[in-house]
Amino acid sequence: MPMAVYTFLEHYDLTGKVICPSAPTRQWLSQTERDIRKAAPGAIVTRGLAIHGSHVDEAAPALTQWVNEVQ
């Protein structure tokens, strides 16, 4: 994650807030989910969504399913 995101997460109390991460690759996302949990204790971090840039045009079904799961 960019340092600005770490700074934001560390400086605000996000206890009880839901964070739904997204990323361009699943590998990057799994590390990001862990890092968010560490930087924002008390926040609820959902399973993230990874959509590679070259697959954006076909991502609507995955995006819809993800939104329904994290609600």
C-alpha atoms as a PDB file:
ATOM      1  CA  MET A   1       0.000   0.000   0.000  1.00  0.00           C
ATOM      2  CA  PRO A   2       1.133   3.584  -0.474  1.00  0.00           C
ATOM      3  CA  MET A   3       2.534   5.198   2.665  1.00  0.00           C
ATOM      4  CA  ALA A   4      -0.323   7.722   2.657  1.00  0.00           C
ATOM      5  CA  VAL A   5      -2.774   4.850   3.210  1.00  0.00           C
ATOM      6  CA  TYR A   6      -0.727   3.494   6.132  1.00  0.00           C
ATOM      7  CA  THR A   7      -0.611   6.986   7.637  1.00  0.00           C
ATOM      8  CA  PHE A   8      -4.375   7.391   7.305  1.00  0.00           C
ATOM      9  CA  LEU A   9      -5.097   3.985   8.844  1.00  0.00           C
ATOM     10  CA  GLU A  10      -2.739   4.593  11.755  1.00  0.00           C
ATOM     11  CA  HIS A  11      -4.035   8.070  12.603  1.00  0.00           C
ATOM     12  CA  TYR A  12      -7.777   7.447  12.663  1.00  0.00           C
ATOM     13  CA  ASP A  13      -9.816   5.219  14.946  1.00  0.00           C
ATOM     14  CA  LEU A  14     -11.584   2.895  12.542  1.00  0.00           C
ATOM     15  CA  THR A  15     -12.965   0.610  15.234  1.00  0.00           C
ATOM     16  CA  GLY A  16     -16.171  -0.968  13.950  1.00  0.00           C
ATOM     17  CA  LYS A  17     -15.717   0.485  10.464  1.00  0.00           C
ATOM     18  CA  VAL A  18     -15.780  -1.888   7.493  1.00  0.00           C
ATOM     19  CA  ILE A  19     -12.856  -1.769   5.065  1.00  0.00           C
ATOM     20  CA  CYS A  20     -13.323  -3.562   1.729  1.00  0.00           C
ATOM     21  CA  PRO A  21      -9.946  -3.670  -0.021  1.00  0.00           C
ATOM     22  CA  SER A  22      -9.422  -4.113  -3.732  1.00  0.00           C
ATOM     23  CA  ALA A  23      -6.254  -4.633  -5.737  1.00  0.00           C
ATOM     24  CA  PRO A  24      -4.934  -5.492  -9.182  1.00  0.00           C
ATOM     25  CA  THR A  25      -3.693  -8.970  -8.135  1.00  0.00           C
ATOM     26  CA  ARG A  26      -4.686 -11.564  -5.529  1.00  0.00           C
ATOM     27  CA  GLN A  27      -1.070 -11.905  -4.346  1.00  0.00           C
ATOM     28  CA  TRP A  28      -0.863  -8.186  -3.573  1.00  0.00           C
ATOM     29  CA  LEU A  29      -4.293  -8.266  -1.985  1.00  0.00           C
ATOM     30  CA  SER A  30      -3.565 -10.979   0.585  1.00  0.00           C
ATOM     31  CA  GLN A  31      -0.656  -8.969   1.975  1.00  0.00           C
ATOM     32  CA  THR A  32      -2.754  -5.801   1.921  1.00  0.00           C
ATOM     33  CA  GLU A  33      -5.573  -7.392   3.923  1.00  0.00           C
ATOM     34  CA  ARG A  34      -3.049  -8.425   6.604  1.00  0.00           C
ATOM     35  CA  ASP A  35      -1.405  -4.993   6.627  1.00  0.00           C
ATOM     36  CA  ILE A  36      -4.757  -3.219   6.981  1.00  0.00           C
ATOM     37  CA  ARG A  37      -5.666  -5.409   9.951  1.00  0.00           C
ATOM     38  CA  LYS A  38      -2.382  -4.475  11.646  1.00  0.00           C
ATOM     39  CA  ALA A  39      -2.639  -0.754  10.870  1.00  0.00           C
ATOM     40  CA  ALA A  40      -6.318  -0.415  11.787  1.00  0.00           C
ATOM     41  CA  PRO A  41      -6.983  -2.584  14.831  1.00  0.00           C
ATOM     42  CA  GLY A  42     -10.668  -2.820  15.544  1.00  0.00           C
ATOM     43  CA  ALA A  43     -11.677  -2.311  11.927  1.00  0.00           C
ATOM     44  CA  ILE A  44     -13.577  -5.036  10.125  1.00  0.00           C
ATOM     45  CA  VAL A  45     -11.580  -6.017   7.036  1.00  0.00           C
ATOM     46  CA  THR A  46     -13.549  -7.999   4.479  1.00  0.00           C
ATOM     47  CA  ARG A  47     -12.200 -10.382   1.899  1.00  0.00           C
ATOM     48  CA  GLY A  48     -10.790  -8.234  -0.835  1.00  0.00           C
ATOM     49  CA  LEU A  49     -11.427  -8.221  -4.544  1.00  0.00           C
ATOM     50  CA  ALA A  50      -8.650  -8.557  -7.085  1.00  0.00           C
ATOM     51  CA  ILE A  51      -9.296  -7.526 -10.671  1.00  0.00           C
ATOM     52  CA  HIS A  52      -6.398  -7.391 -13.076  1.00  0.00           C
ATOM     53  CA  GLY A  53      -6.478  -4.366 -15.363  1.00  0.00           C
ATOM     54  CA  SER A  54      -6.719  -6.451 -18.510  1.00  0.00           C
ATOM     55  CA  HIS A  55      -9.893  -8.112 -17.160  1.00  0.00           C
ATOM     56  CA  VAL A  56     -11.829  -5.025 -16.097  1.00  0.00           C
ATOM     57  CA  ASP A  57     -14.279  -5.279 -19.001  1.00  0.00           C
ATOM     58  CA  GLU A  58     -15.397  -8.733 -17.832  1.00  0.00           C
ATOM     59  CA  ALA A  59     -15.337  -8.060 -14.074  1.00  0.00           C
ATOM     60  CA  ALA A  60     -18.989  -7.116 -13.520  1.00  0.00           C
ATOM     61  CA  PRO A  61     -20.132 -10.583 -12.313  1.00  0.00           C
ATOM     62  CA  ALA A  62     -17.210 -10.883  -9.874  1.00  0.00           C
ATOM     63  CA  LEU A  63     -17.782  -7.338  -8.619  1.00  0.00           C
ATOM     64  CA  THR A  64     -21.503  -7.954  -8.092  1.00  0.00           C
ATOM     65  CA  GLN A  65     -20.833 -11.187  -6.200  1.00  0.00           C
ATOM     66  CA  TRP A  66     -18.171  -9.488  -4.031  1.00  0.00           C
ATOM     67  CA  VAL A  67     -20.470  -6.583  -3.131  1.00  0.00           C
ATOM     68  CA  ASN A  68     -23.244  -8.993  -2.172  1.00  0.00           C
ATOM     69  CA  GLU A  69     -20.850 -11.015   0.010  1.00  0.00           C
ATOM     70  CA  VAL A  70     -19.383  -8.065   1.925  1.00  0.00           C
ATOM     71  CA  GLN A  71     -22.699  -6.372   2.695  1.00  0.00           C
END
